[in-house]
Amino acid sequence: MATAYKTIAQAAPAATTLTTLYTVPSATSAVISTIIICNQAASAATYRIAVSPAGATAEAKHYIVYGATVAASDTTALTLGVTLATTDVVRVYASTATLSFSLFGSEIS
């Protein structure tokens, strides 16, 4: 099995829209080591992160972060170590269009 350490995904989602950040490819598993949330605005913003197994529609039980705040012109780094199987989905939501998300980790195939 080959392991690739990499920037897995990046997105700047539209405001108030649950957006797919990453879907684990077929014949692959992944370990999400870090998610970085950057607020590029002069006011605070909130975010959510959901991890849904096997491509399931997001449900309340899938949220690992809900309503957390990033201060104005600041960055939050979450060190997680979340393991994902084929077709698992990471989704993000931002209260404004000024947040960006970067997902770092490894893919094993």
PDB file of N, CA and C in Angstrom:
ATOM      1  N   MET A   1       0.842  -1.183   0.000  1.00  0.00           N
ATOM      2  CA  MET A   1       0.000   0.000   0.000  1.00  0.00           C
ATOM      3  C   MET A   1       0.887   1.245   0.000  1.00  0.00           C
ATOM      4  N   ALA A   2       0.563   2.163  -0.872  1.00  0.00           N
ATOM      5  CA  ALA A   2       1.316   3.414  -0.963  1.00  0.00           C
ATOM      6  C   ALA A   2       0.626   4.499  -0.145  1.00  0.00           C
ATOM      7  N   THR A   3       1.430   5.303   0.552  1.00  0.00           N
ATOM      8  CA  THR A   3       0.903   6.418   1.328  1.00  0.00           C
ATOM      9  C   THR A   3       1.425   7.711   0.733  1.00  0.00           C
ATOM     10  N   ALA A   4       0.499   8.626   0.410  1.00  0.00           N
ATOM     11  CA  ALA A   4       0.880   9.933  -0.133  1.00  0.00           C
ATOM     12  C   ALA A   4       0.501  11.011   0.872  1.00  0.00           C
ATOM     13  N   TYR A   5       1.499  11.738   1.383  1.00  0.00           N
ATOM     14  CA  TYR A   5       1.263  12.845   2.305  1.00  0.00           C
ATOM     15  C   TYR A   5       1.076  14.098   1.461  1.00  0.00           C
ATOM     16  N   LYS A   6      -0.026  14.840   1.703  1.00  0.00           N
ATOM     17  CA  LYS A   6      -0.300  15.936   0.785  1.00  0.00           C
ATOM     18  C   LYS A   6      -1.323  16.928   1.301  1.00  0.00           C
ATOM     19  N   THR A   7      -1.445  18.016   0.553  1.00  0.00           N
ATOM     20  CA  THR A   7      -2.587  18.904   0.713  1.00  0.00           C
ATOM     21  C   THR A   7      -3.730  18.180   0.018  1.00  0.00           C
ATOM     22  N   ILE A   8      -4.704  17.725   0.787  1.00  0.00           N
ATOM     23  CA  ILE A   8      -5.751  16.883   0.226  1.00  0.00           C
ATOM     24  C   ILE A   8      -6.827  17.706  -0.478  1.00  0.00           C
ATOM     25  N   ALA A   9      -7.208  18.840   0.112  1.00  0.00           N
ATOM     26  CA  ALA A   9      -8.271  19.642  -0.495  1.00  0.00           C
ATOM     27  C   ALA A   9      -8.219  21.066   0.037  1.00  0.00           C
ATOM     28  N   GLN A  10      -8.711  21.998  -0.785  1.00  0.00           N
ATOM     29  CA  GLN A  10      -8.842  23.395  -0.374  1.00  0.00           C
ATOM     30  C   GLN A  10     -10.114  23.954  -0.998  1.00  0.00           C
ATOM     31  N   ALA A  11     -10.796  24.834  -0.248  1.00  0.00           N
ATOM     32  CA  ALA A  11     -12.020  25.444  -0.767  1.00  0.00           C
ATOM     33  C   ALA A  11     -12.304  26.749  -0.045  1.00  0.00           C
ATOM     34  N   ALA A  12     -12.979  27.627  -0.762  1.00  0.00           N
ATOM     35  CA  ALA A  12     -13.519  28.865  -0.194  1.00  0.00           C
ATOM     36  C   ALA A  12     -15.007  28.849  -0.527  1.00  0.00           C
ATOM     37  N   PRO A  13     -15.813  28.207   0.324  1.00  0.00           N
ATOM     38  CA  PRO A  13     -17.228  27.995  -0.008  1.00  0.00           C
ATOM     39  C   PRO A  13     -18.052  29.279   0.015  1.00  0.00           C
ATOM     40  N   ALA A  14     -19.149  29.235  -0.710  1.00  0.00           N
ATOM     41  CA  ALA A  14     -20.110  30.335  -0.660  1.00  0.00           C
ATOM     42  C   ALA A  14     -20.678  30.422   0.749  1.00  0.00           C
ATOM     43  N   ALA A  15     -21.118  31.598   1.122  1.00  0.00           N
ATOM     44  CA  ALA A  15     -21.685  31.800   2.459  1.00  0.00           C
ATOM     45  C   ALA A  15     -22.924  30.943   2.659  1.00  0.00           C
ATOM     46  N   THR A  16     -23.057  30.410   3.854  1.00  0.00           N
ATOM     47  CA  THR A  16     -24.212  29.641   4.331  1.00  0.00           C
ATOM     48  C   THR A  16     -24.598  28.480   3.415  1.00  0.00           C
ATOM     49  N   THR A  17     -23.584  27.835   2.833  1.00  0.00           N
ATOM     50  CA  THR A  17     -23.824  26.692   1.952  1.00  0.00           C
ATOM     51  C   THR A  17     -22.953  25.526   2.399  1.00  0.00           C
ATOM     52  N   LEU A  18     -23.560  24.399   2.732  1.00  0.00           N
ATOM     53  CA  LEU A  18     -22.792  23.205   3.073  1.00  0.00           C
ATOM     54  C   LEU A  18     -22.134  22.710   1.789  1.00  0.00           C
ATOM     55  N   THR A  19     -20.806  22.634   1.799  1.00  0.00           N
ATOM     56  CA  THR A  19     -20.027  22.369   0.588  1.00  0.00           C
ATOM     57  C   THR A  19     -19.129  21.165   0.791  1.00  0.00           C
ATOM     58  N   THR A  20     -19.062  20.287  -0.195  1.00  0.00           N
ATOM     59  CA  THR A  20     -18.150  19.147  -0.121  1.00  0.00           C
ATOM     60  C   THR A  20     -16.721  19.636  -0.284  1.00  0.00           C
ATOM     61  N   LEU A  21     -15.906  19.377   0.714  1.00  0.00           N
ATOM     62  CA  LEU A  21     -14.494  19.727   0.663  1.00  0.00           C
ATOM     63  C   LEU A  21     -13.684  18.565   0.084  1.00  0.00           C
ATOM     64  N   TYR A  22     -14.060  17.336   0.458  1.00  0.00           N
ATOM     65  CA  TYR A  22     -13.275  16.178   0.028  1.00  0.00           C
ATOM     66  C   TYR A  22     -14.120  14.916   0.106  1.00  0.00           C
ATOM     67  N   THR A  23     -13.988  14.086  -0.925  1.00  0.00           N
ATOM     68  CA  THR A  23     -14.563  12.747  -0.938  1.00  0.00           C
ATOM     69  C   THR A  23     -13.426  11.773  -1.166  1.00  0.00           C
ATOM     70  N   VAL A  24     -13.307  10.777  -0.309  1.00  0.00           N
ATOM     71  CA  VAL A  24     -12.231   9.794  -0.440  1.00  0.00           C
ATOM     72  C   VAL A  24     -12.441   8.999  -1.727  1.00  0.00           C
ATOM     73  N   PRO A  25     -11.420   8.941  -2.598  1.00  0.00           N
ATOM     74  CA  PRO A  25     -11.548   8.212  -3.862  1.00  0.00           C
ATOM     75  C   PRO A  25     -11.718   6.707  -3.649  1.00  0.00           C
ATOM     76  N   SER A  26     -12.153   6.018  -4.710  1.00  0.00           N
ATOM     77  CA  SER A  26     -12.309   4.572  -4.638  1.00  0.00           C
ATOM     78  C   SER A  26     -10.952   3.909  -4.408  1.00  0.00           C
ATOM     79  N   ALA A  27     -10.966   2.765  -3.774  1.00  0.00           N
ATOM     80  CA  ALA A  27      -9.778   1.969  -3.460  1.00  0.00           C
ATOM     81  C   ALA A  27      -8.748   2.760  -2.641  1.00  0.00           C
ATOM     82  N   THR A  28      -9.227   3.697  -1.840  1.00  0.00           N
ATOM     83  CA  THR A  28      -8.353   4.568  -1.057  1.00  0.00           C
ATOM     84  C   THR A  28      -8.933   4.778   0.332  1.00  0.00           C
ATOM     85  N   SER A  29      -8.073   4.944   1.309  1.00  0.00           N
ATOM     86  CA  SER A  29      -8.482   5.428   2.624  1.00  0.00           C
ATOM     87  C   SER A  29      -7.640   6.669   2.893  1.00  0.00           C
ATOM     88  N   ALA A  30      -8.024   7.449   3.892  1.00  0.00           N
ATOM     89  CA  ALA A  30      -7.311   8.696   4.159  1.00  0.00           C
ATOM     90  C   ALA A  30      -7.232   8.950   5.648  1.00  0.00           C
ATOM     91  N   VAL A  31      -6.213   9.698   6.030  1.00  0.00           N
ATOM     92  CA  VAL A  31      -6.072  10.189   7.397  1.00  0.00           C
ATOM     93  C   VAL A  31      -5.962  11.702   7.305  1.00  0.00           C
ATOM     94  N   ILE A  32      -6.917  12.383   7.910  1.00  0.00           N
ATOM     95  CA  ILE A  32      -6.909  13.840   7.934  1.00  0.00           C
ATOM     96  C   ILE A  32      -6.148  14.269   9.182  1.00  0.00           C
ATOM     97  N   SER A  33      -4.975  14.851   8.984  1.00  0.00           N
ATOM     98  CA  SER A  33      -4.174  15.262  10.132  1.00  0.00           C
ATOM     99  C   SER A  33      -4.549  16.657  10.611  1.00  0.00           C
ATOM    100  N   THR A  34      -4.787  17.577   9.668  1.00  0.00           N
ATOM    101  CA  THR A  34      -5.038  18.966  10.048  1.00  0.00           C
ATOM    102  C   THR A  34      -6.039  19.617   9.099  1.00  0.00           C
ATOM    103  N   ILE A  35      -6.926  20.410   9.662  1.00  0.00           N
ATOM    104  CA  ILE A  35      -7.804  21.283   8.885  1.00  0.00           C
ATOM    105  C   ILE A  35      -7.514  22.706   9.347  1.00  0.00           C
ATOM    106  N   ILE A  36      -7.226  23.569   8.391  1.00  0.00           N
ATOM    107  CA  ILE A  36      -6.958  24.976   8.704  1.00  0.00           C
ATOM    108  C   ILE A  36      -8.091  25.823   8.147  1.00  0.00           C
ATOM    109  N   ILE A  37      -8.633  26.693   8.991  1.00  0.00           N
ATOM    110  CA  ILE A  37      -9.714  27.598   8.605  1.00  0.00           C
ATOM    111  C   ILE A  37      -9.173  29.017   8.716  1.00  0.00           C
ATOM    112  N   CYS A  38      -9.212  29.749   7.608  1.00  0.00           N
ATOM    113  CA  CYS A  38      -8.665  31.101   7.561  1.00  0.00           C
ATOM    114  C   CYS A  38      -9.792  32.104   7.306  1.00  0.00           C
ATOM    115  N   ASN A  39      -9.889  33.095   8.176  1.00  0.00           N
ATOM    116  CA  ASN A  39     -10.877  34.168   8.017  1.00  0.00           C
ATOM    117  C   ASN A  39     -10.181  35.386   7.421  1.00  0.00           C
ATOM    118  N   GLN A  40     -10.566  35.760   6.225  1.00  0.00           N
ATOM    119  CA  GLN A  40      -9.915  36.848   5.502  1.00  0.00           C
ATOM    120  C   GLN A  40     -10.683  38.163   5.617  1.00  0.00           C
ATOM    121  N   ALA A  41     -11.572  38.259   6.591  1.00  0.00           N
ATOM    122  CA  ALA A  41     -12.403  39.450   6.759  1.00  0.00           C
ATOM    123  C   ALA A  41     -12.061  40.198   8.041  1.00  0.00           C
ATOM    124  N   ALA A  42     -12.571  41.409   8.121  1.00  0.00           N
ATOM    125  CA  ALA A  42     -12.338  42.261   9.293  1.00  0.00           C
ATOM    126  C   ALA A  42     -13.373  42.023  10.391  1.00  0.00           C
ATOM    127  N   SER A  43     -14.177  40.976  10.260  1.00  0.00           N
ATOM    128  CA  SER A  43     -15.142  40.620  11.302  1.00  0.00           C
ATOM    129  C   SER A  43     -15.117  39.109  11.504  1.00  0.00           C
ATOM    130  N   ALA A  44     -15.525  38.672  12.687  1.00  0.00           N
ATOM    131  CA  ALA A  44     -15.534  37.246  13.022  1.00  0.00           C
ATOM    132  C   ALA A  44     -16.524  36.487  12.140  1.00  0.00           C
ATOM    133  N   ALA A  45     -16.276  35.196  11.988  1.00  0.00           N
ATOM    134  CA  ALA A  45     -17.171  34.322  11.220  1.00  0.00           C
ATOM    135  C   ALA A  45     -17.258  32.971  11.911  1.00  0.00           C
ATOM    136  N   THR A  46     -18.308  32.225  11.615  1.00  0.00           N
ATOM    137  CA  THR A  46     -18.470  30.894  12.195  1.00  0.00           C
ATOM    138  C   THR A  46     -18.388  29.836  11.099  1.00  0.00           C
ATOM    139  N   TYR A  47     -18.092  28.606  11.523  1.00  0.00           N
ATOM    140  CA  TYR A  47     -17.977  27.504  10.568  1.00  0.00           C
ATOM    141  C   TYR A  47     -18.464  26.201  11.180  1.00  0.00           C
ATOM    142  N   ARG A  48     -18.671  25.234  10.275  1.00  0.00           N
ATOM    143  CA  ARG A  48     -19.055  23.875  10.662  1.00  0.00           C
ATOM    144  C   ARG A  48     -18.256  22.904   9.814  1.00  0.00           C
ATOM    145  N   ILE A  49     -18.004  21.722  10.374  1.00  0.00           N
ATOM    146  CA  ILE A  49     -17.350  20.645   9.632  1.00  0.00           C
ATOM    147  C   ILE A  49     -18.103  19.359   9.928  1.00  0.00           C
ATOM    148  N   ALA A  50     -18.458  18.634   8.863  1.00  0.00           N
ATOM    149  CA  ALA A  50     -19.157  17.358   9.004  1.00  0.00           C
ATOM    150  C   ALA A  50     -18.366  16.272   8.285  1.00  0.00           C
ATOM    151  N   VAL A  51     -18.361  15.073   8.854  1.00  0.00           N
ATOM    152  CA  VAL A  51     -17.758  13.907   8.215  1.00  0.00           C
ATOM    153  C   VAL A  51     -18.856  12.855   8.080  1.00  0.00           C
ATOM    154  N   SER A  52     -19.212  12.556   6.835  1.00  0.00           N
ATOM    155  CA  SER A  52     -20.302  11.615   6.572  1.00  0.00           C
ATOM    156  C   SER A  52     -19.746  10.324   5.999  1.00  0.00           C
ATOM    157  N   PRO A  53     -20.112   9.180   6.583  1.00  0.00           N
ATOM    158  CA  PRO A  53     -19.609   7.903   6.086  1.00  0.00           C
ATOM    159  C   PRO A  53     -20.274   7.507   4.772  1.00  0.00           C
ATOM    160  N   ALA A  54     -19.483   6.899   3.904  1.00  0.00           N
ATOM    161  CA  ALA A  54     -19.981   6.282   2.664  1.00  0.00           C
ATOM    162  C   ALA A  54     -20.862   7.214   1.831  1.00  0.00           C
ATOM    163  N   GLY A  55     -20.524   8.488   1.777  1.00  0.00           N
ATOM    164  CA  GLY A  55     -21.261   9.430   0.942  1.00  0.00           C
ATOM    165  C   GLY A  55     -22.648   9.783   1.437  1.00  0.00           C
ATOM    166  N   ALA A  56     -22.951   9.477   2.672  1.00  0.00           N
ATOM    167  CA  ALA A  56     -24.279   9.750   3.223  1.00  0.00           C
ATOM    168  C   ALA A  56     -24.580  11.246   3.225  1.00  0.00           C
ATOM    169  N   THR A  57     -25.851  11.579   3.155  1.00  0.00           N
ATOM    170  CA  THR A  57     -26.288  12.959   3.299  1.00  0.00           C
ATOM    171  C   THR A  57     -25.937  13.424   4.705  1.00  0.00           C
ATOM    172  N   ALA A  58     -25.501  14.670   4.828  1.00  0.00           N
ATOM    173  CA  ALA A  58     -25.098  15.199   6.139  1.00  0.00           C
ATOM    174  C   ALA A  58     -26.272  15.179   7.117  1.00  0.00           C
ATOM    175  N   GLU A  59     -26.000  14.681   8.311  1.00  0.00           N
ATOM    176  CA  GLU A  59     -26.977  14.640   9.402  1.00  0.00           C
ATOM    177  C   GLU A  59     -26.332  15.260  10.637  1.00  0.00           C
ATOM    178  N   ALA A  60     -27.144  15.572  11.616  1.00  0.00           N
ATOM    179  CA  ALA A  60     -26.646  16.196  12.848  1.00  0.00           C
ATOM    180  C   ALA A  60     -25.526  15.375  13.490  1.00  0.00           C
ATOM    181  N   LYS A  61     -25.621  14.055  13.432  1.00  0.00           N
ATOM    182  CA  LYS A  61     -24.611  13.198  14.077  1.00  0.00           C
ATOM    183  C   LYS A  61     -23.252  13.206  13.374  1.00  0.00           C
ATOM    184  N   HIS A  62     -23.163  13.783  12.173  1.00  0.00           N
ATOM    185  CA  HIS A  62     -21.913  13.798  11.413  1.00  0.00           C
ATOM    186  C   HIS A  62     -21.020  14.997  11.728  1.00  0.00           C
ATOM    187  N   TYR A  63     -21.543  15.987  12.432  1.00  0.00           N
ATOM    188  CA  TYR A  63     -20.757  17.199  12.693  1.00  0.00           C
ATOM    189  C   TYR A  63     -19.682  16.953  13.746  1.00  0.00           C
ATOM    190  N   ILE A  64     -18.451  17.343  13.393  1.00  0.00           N
ATOM    191  CA  ILE A  64     -17.360  17.281  14.365  1.00  0.00           C
ATOM    192  C   ILE A  64     -17.064  18.677  14.906  1.00  0.00           C
ATOM    193  N   VAL A  65     -17.517  19.708  14.194  1.00  0.00           N
ATOM    194  CA  VAL A  65     -17.455  21.099  14.654  1.00  0.00           C
ATOM    195  C   VAL A  65     -18.753  21.756  14.211  1.00  0.00           C
ATOM    196  N   TYR A  66     -19.360  22.536  15.116  1.00  0.00           N
ATOM    197  CA  TYR A  66     -20.620  23.202  14.764  1.00  0.00           C
ATOM    198  C   TYR A  66     -20.674  24.571  15.438  1.00  0.00           C
ATOM    199  N   GLY A  67     -20.665  25.622  14.628  1.00  0.00           N
ATOM    200  CA  GLY A  67     -20.803  26.971  15.162  1.00  0.00           C
ATOM    201  C   GLY A  67     -19.557  27.539  15.814  1.00  0.00           C
ATOM    202  N   ALA A  68     -18.397  26.995  15.482  1.00  0.00           N
ATOM    203  CA  ALA A  68     -17.146  27.531  16.041  1.00  0.00           C
ATOM    204  C   ALA A  68     -16.828  28.874  15.377  1.00  0.00           C
ATOM    205  N   THR A  69     -16.146  29.733  16.102  1.00  0.00           N
ATOM    206  CA  THR A  69     -15.851  31.084  15.621  1.00  0.00           C
ATOM    207  C   THR A  69     -14.372  31.238  15.284  1.00  0.00           C
ATOM    208  N   VAL A  70     -14.118  31.912  14.166  1.00  0.00           N
ATOM    209  CA  VAL A  70     -12.764  32.345  13.813  1.00  0.00           C
ATOM    210  C   VAL A  70     -12.780  33.865  13.908  1.00  0.00           C
ATOM    211  N   ALA A  71     -11.886  34.417  14.693  1.00  0.00           N
ATOM    212  CA  ALA A  71     -11.822  35.867  14.874  1.00  0.00           C
ATOM    213  C   ALA A  71     -11.466  36.557  13.550  1.00  0.00           C
ATOM    214  N   ALA A  72     -11.714  37.848  13.509  1.00  0.00           N
ATOM    215  CA  ALA A  72     -11.393  38.649  12.331  1.00  0.00           C
ATOM    216  C   ALA A  72      -9.921  38.508  11.964  1.00  0.00           C
ATOM    217  N   SER A  73      -9.656  38.339  10.681  1.00  0.00           N
ATOM    218  CA  SER A  73      -8.278  38.256  10.167  1.00  0.00           C
ATOM    219  C   SER A  73      -7.424  37.269  10.950  1.00  0.00           C
ATOM    220  N   ASP A  74      -7.987  36.097  11.221  1.00  0.00           N
ATOM    221  CA  ASP A  74      -7.297  35.099  12.032  1.00  0.00           C
ATOM    222  C   ASP A  74      -7.416  33.724  11.376  1.00  0.00           C
ATOM    223  N   THR A  75      -6.679  32.768  11.933  1.00  0.00           N
ATOM    224  CA  THR A  75      -6.674  31.404  11.422  1.00  0.00           C
ATOM    225  C   THR A  75      -6.818  30.438  12.589  1.00  0.00           C
ATOM    226  N   THR A  76      -7.567  29.362  12.360  1.00  0.00           N
ATOM    227  CA  THR A  76      -7.709  28.285  13.332  1.00  0.00           C
ATOM    228  C   THR A  76      -7.170  27.010  12.711  1.00  0.00           C
ATOM    229  N   ALA A  77      -6.320  26.287  13.436  1.00  0.00           N
ATOM    230  CA  ALA A  77      -5.795  25.006  12.970  1.00  0.00           C
ATOM    231  C   ALA A  77      -6.308  23.909  13.897  1.00  0.00           C
ATOM    232  N   LEU A  78      -6.949  22.912  13.314  1.00  0.00           N
ATOM    233  CA  LEU A  78      -7.462  21.770  14.077  1.00  0.00           C
ATOM    234  C   LEU A  78      -6.618  20.550  13.729  1.00  0.00           C
ATOM    235  N   THR A  79      -5.944  19.994  14.724  1.00  0.00           N
ATOM    236  CA  THR A  79      -5.165  18.775  14.528  1.00  0.00           C
ATOM    237  C   THR A  79      -6.033  17.619  14.990  1.00  0.00           C
ATOM    238  N   LEU A  80      -6.402  16.740  14.042  1.00  0.00           N
ATOM    239  CA  LEU A  80      -7.470  15.790  14.318  1.00  0.00           C
ATOM    240  C   LEU A  80      -7.069  14.314  14.283  1.00  0.00           C
ATOM    241  N   GLY A  81      -6.429  13.856  13.241  1.00  0.00           N
ATOM    242  CA  GLY A  81      -6.158  12.432  13.100  1.00  0.00           C
ATOM    243  C   GLY A  81      -7.398  11.625  12.784  1.00  0.00           C
ATOM    244  N   VAL A  82      -8.286  12.166  11.961  1.00  0.00           N
ATOM    245  CA  VAL A  82      -9.533  11.481  11.589  1.00  0.00           C
ATOM    246  C   VAL A  82      -9.245  10.492  10.463  1.00  0.00           C
ATOM    247  N   THR A  83      -9.691   9.254  10.618  1.00  0.00           N
ATOM    248  CA  THR A  83      -9.523   8.250   9.572  1.00  0.00           C
ATOM    249  C   THR A  83     -10.790   8.161   8.737  1.00  0.00           C
ATOM    250  N   LEU A  84     -10.600   8.023   7.426  1.00  0.00           N
ATOM    251  CA  LEU A  84     -11.726   7.992   6.494  1.00  0.00           C
ATOM    252  C   LEU A  84     -11.597   6.796   5.563  1.00  0.00           C
ATOM    253  N   ALA A  85     -12.731   6.203   5.215  1.00  0.00           N
ATOM    254  CA  ALA A  85     -12.767   5.082   4.283  1.00  0.00           C
ATOM    255  C   ALA A  85     -13.227   5.568   2.907  1.00  0.00           C
ATOM    256  N   THR A  86     -13.138   4.700   1.933  1.00  0.00           N
ATOM    257  CA  THR A  86     -13.576   5.004   0.579  1.00  0.00           C
ATOM    258  C   THR A  86     -14.980   5.597   0.588  1.00  0.00           C
ATOM    259  N   THR A  87     -15.167   6.679  -0.141  1.00  0.00           N
ATOM    260  CA  THR A  87     -16.421   7.437  -0.330  1.00  0.00           C
ATOM    261  C   THR A  87     -16.880   8.238   0.897  1.00  0.00           C
ATOM    262  N   ASP A  88     -16.127   8.242   1.992  1.00  0.00           N
ATOM    263  CA  ASP A  88     -16.474   9.143   3.100  1.00  0.00           C
ATOM    264  C   ASP A  88     -16.306  10.582   2.610  1.00  0.00           C
ATOM    265  N   VAL A  89     -17.113  11.491   3.165  1.00  0.00           N
ATOM    266  CA  VAL A  89     -17.154  12.867   2.676  1.00  0.00           C
ATOM    267  C   VAL A  89     -16.918  13.847   3.825  1.00  0.00           C
ATOM    268  N   VAL A  90     -16.048  14.832   3.587  1.00  0.00           N
ATOM    269  CA  VAL A  90     -15.851  15.943   4.513  1.00  0.00           C
ATOM    270  C   VAL A  90     -16.547  17.151   3.902  1.00  0.00           C
ATOM    271  N   ARG A  91     -17.460  17.729   4.666  1.00  0.00           N
ATOM    272  CA  ARG A  91     -18.193  18.910   4.196  1.00  0.00           C
ATOM    273  C   ARG A  91     -17.947  20.076   5.147  1.00  0.00           C
ATOM    274  N   VAL A  92     -17.950  21.291   4.577  1.00  0.00           N
ATOM    275  CA  VAL A  92     -17.721  22.495   5.367  1.00  0.00           C
ATOM    276  C   VAL A  92     -18.819  23.514   5.090  1.00  0.00           C
ATOM    277  N   TYR A  93     -19.008  24.391   6.063  1.00  0.00           N
ATOM    278  CA  TYR A  93     -20.019  25.444   5.995  1.00  0.00           C
ATOM    279  C   TYR A  93     -19.403  26.689   6.625  1.00  0.00           C
ATOM    280  N   ALA A  94     -19.611  27.832   5.993  1.00  0.00           N
ATOM    281  CA  ALA A  94     -19.088  29.092   6.514  1.00  0.00           C
ATOM    282  C   ALA A  94     -20.210  30.118   6.588  1.00  0.00           C
ATOM    283  N   SER A  95     -20.209  30.926   7.634  1.00  0.00           N
ATOM    284  CA  SER A  95     -21.251  31.948   7.779  1.00  0.00           C
ATOM    285  C   SER A  95     -21.071  33.098   6.792  1.00  0.00           C
ATOM    286  N   THR A  96     -19.847  33.254   6.265  1.00  0.00           N
ATOM    287  CA  THR A  96     -19.562  34.276   5.259  1.00  0.00           C
ATOM    288  C   THR A  96     -18.682  33.673   4.173  1.00  0.00           C
ATOM    289  N   ALA A  97     -18.577  34.364   3.047  1.00  0.00           N
ATOM    290  CA  ALA A  97     -17.750  33.875   1.938  1.00  0.00           C
ATOM    291  C   ALA A  97     -16.276  34.225   2.123  1.00  0.00           C
ATOM    292  N   THR A  98     -15.905  34.675   3.308  1.00  0.00           N
ATOM    293  CA  THR A  98     -14.515  35.081   3.551  1.00  0.00           C
ATOM    294  C   THR A  98     -13.689  34.014   4.266  1.00  0.00           C
ATOM    295  N   LEU A  99     -14.261  32.846   4.477  1.00  0.00           N
ATOM    296  CA  LEU A  99     -13.512  31.744   5.093  1.00  0.00           C
ATOM    297  C   LEU A  99     -12.968  30.818   4.018  1.00  0.00           C
ATOM    298  N   SER A 100     -11.750  30.322   4.234  1.00  0.00           N
ATOM    299  CA  SER A 100     -11.209  29.283   3.366  1.00  0.00           C
ATOM    300  C   SER A 100     -10.782  28.103   4.244  1.00  0.00           C
ATOM    301  N   PHE A 101     -10.845  26.920   3.659  1.00  0.00           N
ATOM    302  CA  PHE A 101     -10.544  25.678   4.368  1.00  0.00           C
ATOM    303  C   PHE A 101      -9.441  24.939   3.625  1.00  0.00           C
ATOM    304  N   SER A 102      -8.456  24.447   4.361  1.00  0.00           N
ATOM    305  CA  SER A 102      -7.387  23.617   3.796  1.00  0.00           C
ATOM    306  C   SER A 102      -7.300  22.329   4.597  1.00  0.00           C
ATOM    307  N   LEU A 103      -7.264  21.218   3.891  1.00  0.00           N
ATOM    308  CA  LEU A 103      -7.267  19.889   4.500  1.00  0.00           C
ATOM    309  C   LEU A 103      -5.944  19.210   4.181  1.00  0.00           C
ATOM    310  N   PHE A 104      -5.212  18.780   5.222  1.00  0.00           N
ATOM    311  CA  PHE A 104      -3.906  18.154   5.042  1.00  0.00           C
ATOM    312  C   PHE A 104      -3.921  16.764   5.656  1.00  0.00           C
ATOM    313  N   GLY A 105      -3.171  15.857   5.047  1.00  0.00           N
ATOM    314  CA  GLY A 105      -3.111  14.505   5.587  1.00  0.00           C
ATOM    315  C   GLY A 105      -2.487  13.542   4.601  1.00  0.00           C
ATOM    316  N   SER A 106      -2.973  12.305   4.616  1.00  0.00           N
ATOM    317  CA  SER A 106      -2.421  11.279   3.736  1.00  0.00           C
ATOM    318  C   SER A 106      -3.521  10.430   3.136  1.00  0.00           C
ATOM    319  N   GLU A 107      -3.252   9.974   1.922  1.00  0.00           N
ATOM    320  CA  GLU A 107      -4.129   9.011   1.245  1.00  0.00           C
ATOM    321  C   GLU A 107      -3.367   7.710   1.128  1.00  0.00           C
ATOM    322  N   ILE A 108      -4.050   6.604   1.436  1.00  0.00           N
ATOM    323  CA  ILE A 108      -3.440   5.284   1.382  1.00  0.00           C
ATOM    324  C   ILE A 108      -4.156   4.483   0.316  1.00  0.00           C
ATOM    325  N   SER A 109      -3.399   4.011  -0.662  1.00  0.00           N
ATOM    326  CA  SER A 109      -4.027   3.231  -1.744  1.00  0.00           C
ATOM    327  C   SER A 109      -3.170   2.028  -2.109  1.00  0.00           C
TER     328      SER A 109
END
